[in-house]
Amino acid sequence: MPLIGSLRLIERSTGALLLDRYERYIFAYGTLVGLHLAMRYLERISAIIS
């Protein structure tokens, strides 16, 4: 379950850094993670760069 681990890591990291909004750079494997985060936290993602 690498995808779930990556999602949790990003969620914890952005929470610890108190980030309300951020951009996601997606490429290859990161595309799945980035799109999932965008669907889950639409209000937090200000841009998706691919």
C-alpha atoms as a PDB file:
ATOM      1  CA  MET A   1       0.000   0.000   0.000  1.00  0.00           C
ATOM      2  CA  PRO A   2       2.601   2.589  -0.977  1.00  0.00           C
ATOM      3  CA  LEU A   3      -0.115   4.958  -2.189  1.00  0.00           C
ATOM      4  CA  ILE A   4      -1.816   5.067   1.215  1.00  0.00           C
ATOM      5  CA  GLY A   5       1.542   5.570   2.949  1.00  0.00           C
ATOM      6  CA  SER A   6       2.400   8.451   0.623  1.00  0.00           C
ATOM      7  CA  LEU A   7      -0.984  10.073   1.192  1.00  0.00           C
ATOM      8  CA  ARG A   8      -0.625   9.842   4.970  1.00  0.00           C
ATOM      9  CA  LEU A   9       2.899  11.247   4.841  1.00  0.00           C
ATOM     10  CA  ILE A  10       1.764  14.268   2.817  1.00  0.00           C
ATOM     11  CA  GLU A  11      -1.279  14.798   5.042  1.00  0.00           C
ATOM     12  CA  ARG A  12       0.871  14.720   8.199  1.00  0.00           C
ATOM     13  CA  SER A  13       3.559  16.935   6.669  1.00  0.00           C
ATOM     14  CA  THR A  14       1.203  19.634   5.444  1.00  0.00           C
ATOM     15  CA  GLY A  15      -0.639  19.532   8.776  1.00  0.00           C
ATOM     16  CA  ALA A  16       2.590  19.869  10.765  1.00  0.00           C
ATOM     17  CA  LEU A  17       3.664  22.798   8.590  1.00  0.00           C
ATOM     18  CA  LEU A  18       0.213  24.392   9.018  1.00  0.00           C
ATOM     19  CA  LEU A  19      -0.257  24.712   5.262  1.00  0.00           C
ATOM     20  CA  ASP A  20      -3.788  25.792   4.342  1.00  0.00           C
ATOM     21  CA  ARG A  21      -3.167  25.828   0.586  1.00  0.00           C
ATOM     22  CA  TYR A  22      -0.419  24.462  -1.600  1.00  0.00           C
ATOM     23  CA  GLU A  23       0.426  23.471  -5.148  1.00  0.00           C
ATOM     24  CA  ARG A  24       1.013  19.871  -6.206  1.00  0.00           C
ATOM     25  CA  TYR A  25       3.565  18.920  -8.822  1.00  0.00           C
ATOM     26  CA  ILE A  26       2.510  15.594 -10.281  1.00  0.00           C
ATOM     27  CA  PHE A  27       4.610  13.288 -12.411  1.00  0.00           C
ATOM     28  CA  ALA A  28       4.625   9.496 -12.902  1.00  0.00           C
ATOM     29  CA  TYR A  29       3.801   7.802  -9.562  1.00  0.00           C
ATOM     30  CA  GLY A  30       3.097  11.165  -7.947  1.00  0.00           C
ATOM     31  CA  THR A  31       0.183  11.646 -10.318  1.00  0.00           C
ATOM     32  CA  LEU A  32      -1.936   9.123  -8.408  1.00  0.00           C
ATOM     33  CA  VAL A  33      -1.077  10.688  -5.078  1.00  0.00           C
ATOM     34  CA  GLY A  34      -1.575  14.261  -6.320  1.00  0.00           C
ATOM     35  CA  LEU A  35      -4.933  13.619  -7.940  1.00  0.00           C
ATOM     36  CA  HIS A  36      -6.199  11.694  -4.936  1.00  0.00           C
ATOM     37  CA  LEU A  37      -5.214  14.560  -2.628  1.00  0.00           C
ATOM     38  CA  ALA A  38      -6.865  17.062  -4.961  1.00  0.00           C
ATOM     39  CA  MET A  39     -10.124  15.107  -4.880  1.00  0.00           C
ATOM     40  CA  ARG A  40      -9.954  14.618  -1.121  1.00  0.00           C
ATOM     41  CA  TYR A  41      -8.910  18.182  -0.191  1.00  0.00           C
ATOM     42  CA  LEU A  42     -10.163  20.327  -3.049  1.00  0.00           C
ATOM     43  CA  GLU A  43     -10.112  23.468  -0.879  1.00  0.00           C
ATOM     44  CA  ARG A  44      -6.385  23.069  -0.096  1.00  0.00           C
ATOM     45  CA  ILE A  45      -5.009  22.591  -3.617  1.00  0.00           C
ATOM     46  CA  SER A  46      -4.414  25.899  -5.403  1.00  0.00           C
ATOM     47  CA  ALA A  47      -2.770  24.383  -8.501  1.00  0.00           C
ATOM     48  CA  ILE A  48      -1.816  21.087 -10.090  1.00  0.00           C
ATOM     49  CA  ILE A  49       1.336  21.190 -12.204  1.00  0.00           C
ATOM     50  CA  SER A  50       2.062  18.251 -14.462  1.00  0.00           C
END
